Amino acid sequence: MVITIPGARVVATMHEVMVKLEQNRITLQAQTDDISLLAVPCMLIANGGSVNWSISLGNEENMEAVSHATGIALKR
């Protein structure tokens, strides 16, 4: 599933999440085991092994879409 957020596109599957930043042409990638979704303030957080990054998804609709595509529950 591809989700468009301000300045980036999120490609989410059951196995991984990729965030493609448009301005810098940078791709952030992490396995779903290393991802968490924080409902307030709508953050996708990757933290595991040598992976450590986070990005705002902008709104709850985007959070729900990533959660649905990956099977990751939202932390409220």
Protein backbone atom coordinates (compact mmCIF):
# COMPACT_ATOMS: atom_id res chain seq x y z
CA MET A 1 0.00 0.00 0.00
CA VAL A 2 1.30 3.47 -0.86
CA ILE A 3 0.34 6.35 1.44
CA THR A 4 1.18 9.94 0.52
CA ILE A 5 2.20 12.23 3.38
CA PRO A 6 3.55 15.79 3.14
CA GLY A 7 7.00 15.56 1.52
CA ALA A 8 7.11 11.76 1.25
CA ARG A 9 5.47 8.50 0.26
CA VAL A 10 5.12 5.56 2.63
CA VAL A 11 5.17 2.08 1.10
CA ALA A 12 3.83 -0.35 3.71
CA THR A 13 3.53 -4.15 3.53
CA MET A 14 3.13 -6.91 6.11
CA HIS A 15 6.94 -7.35 6.14
CA GLU A 16 8.47 -3.88 5.80
CA VAL A 17 7.90 -0.14 5.63
CA MET A 18 9.76 2.20 3.28
CA VAL A 19 9.53 5.98 3.49
CA LYS A 20 10.67 7.77 0.34
CA LEU A 21 11.50 11.40 1.10
CA GLU A 22 10.86 13.47 -2.02
CA GLN A 23 13.06 16.52 -1.45
CA ASN A 24 16.29 14.68 -0.61
CA ARG A 25 15.64 11.44 -2.52
CA ILE A 26 16.32 9.48 0.66
CA THR A 27 14.67 6.15 1.44
CA LEU A 28 14.19 4.96 5.02
CA GLN A 29 13.46 1.26 5.39
CA ALA A 30 12.68 -1.03 8.33
CA GLN A 31 11.16 -4.44 8.97
CA THR A 32 7.72 -4.37 10.60
CA ASP A 33 9.18 -6.08 13.70
CA ASP A 34 11.15 -2.87 14.32
CA ILE A 35 8.21 -0.47 13.74
CA SER A 36 5.78 1.07 16.21
CA LEU A 37 2.95 3.52 15.55
CA LEU A 38 2.37 6.22 18.16
CA ALA A 39 -1.15 7.65 17.78
CA VAL A 40 -0.37 11.00 19.43
CA PRO A 41 1.39 12.81 17.67
CA CYS A 42 0.90 10.44 14.66
CA MET A 43 4.46 9.11 14.48
CA LEU A 44 5.90 6.08 12.73
CA ILE A 45 8.93 4.99 14.76
CA ALA A 46 11.58 2.52 13.61
CA ASN A 47 13.84 1.28 16.39
CA GLY A 48 15.66 -2.03 16.27
CA GLY A 49 19.20 -3.25 15.72
CA SER A 50 21.00 -0.52 13.79
CA VAL A 51 17.73 1.12 12.67
CA ASN A 52 16.64 4.25 14.53
CA TRP A 53 14.43 6.87 12.85
CA SER A 54 10.96 8.37 13.06
CA ILE A 55 8.64 10.40 10.85
CA SER A 56 5.34 12.18 11.33
CA LEU A 57 2.48 10.67 9.35
CA GLY A 58 0.49 13.89 9.61
CA ASN A 59 -2.94 12.60 10.60
CA GLU A 60 -4.82 9.66 12.05
CA GLU A 61 -6.11 8.55 8.63
CA ASN A 62 -2.52 7.90 7.50
CA MET A 63 -1.80 6.11 10.80
CA GLU A 64 -4.80 3.82 10.30
CA ALA A 65 -3.72 3.06 6.71
CA VAL A 66 -0.19 2.07 7.80
CA SER A 67 -1.61 0.04 10.69
CA HIS A 68 -3.98 -1.80 8.36
CA ALA A 69 -1.28 -2.50 5.75
CA THR A 70 1.29 -3.77 8.26
CA GLY A 71 -0.84 -5.31 10.99
CA ILE A 72 0.86 -3.09 13.61
CA ALA A 73 -1.45 -1.88 16.38
CA LEU A 74 -1.55 1.81 17.28
CA LYS A 75 -0.13 2.80 20.67
CA ARG A 76 -2.39 5.36 22.28
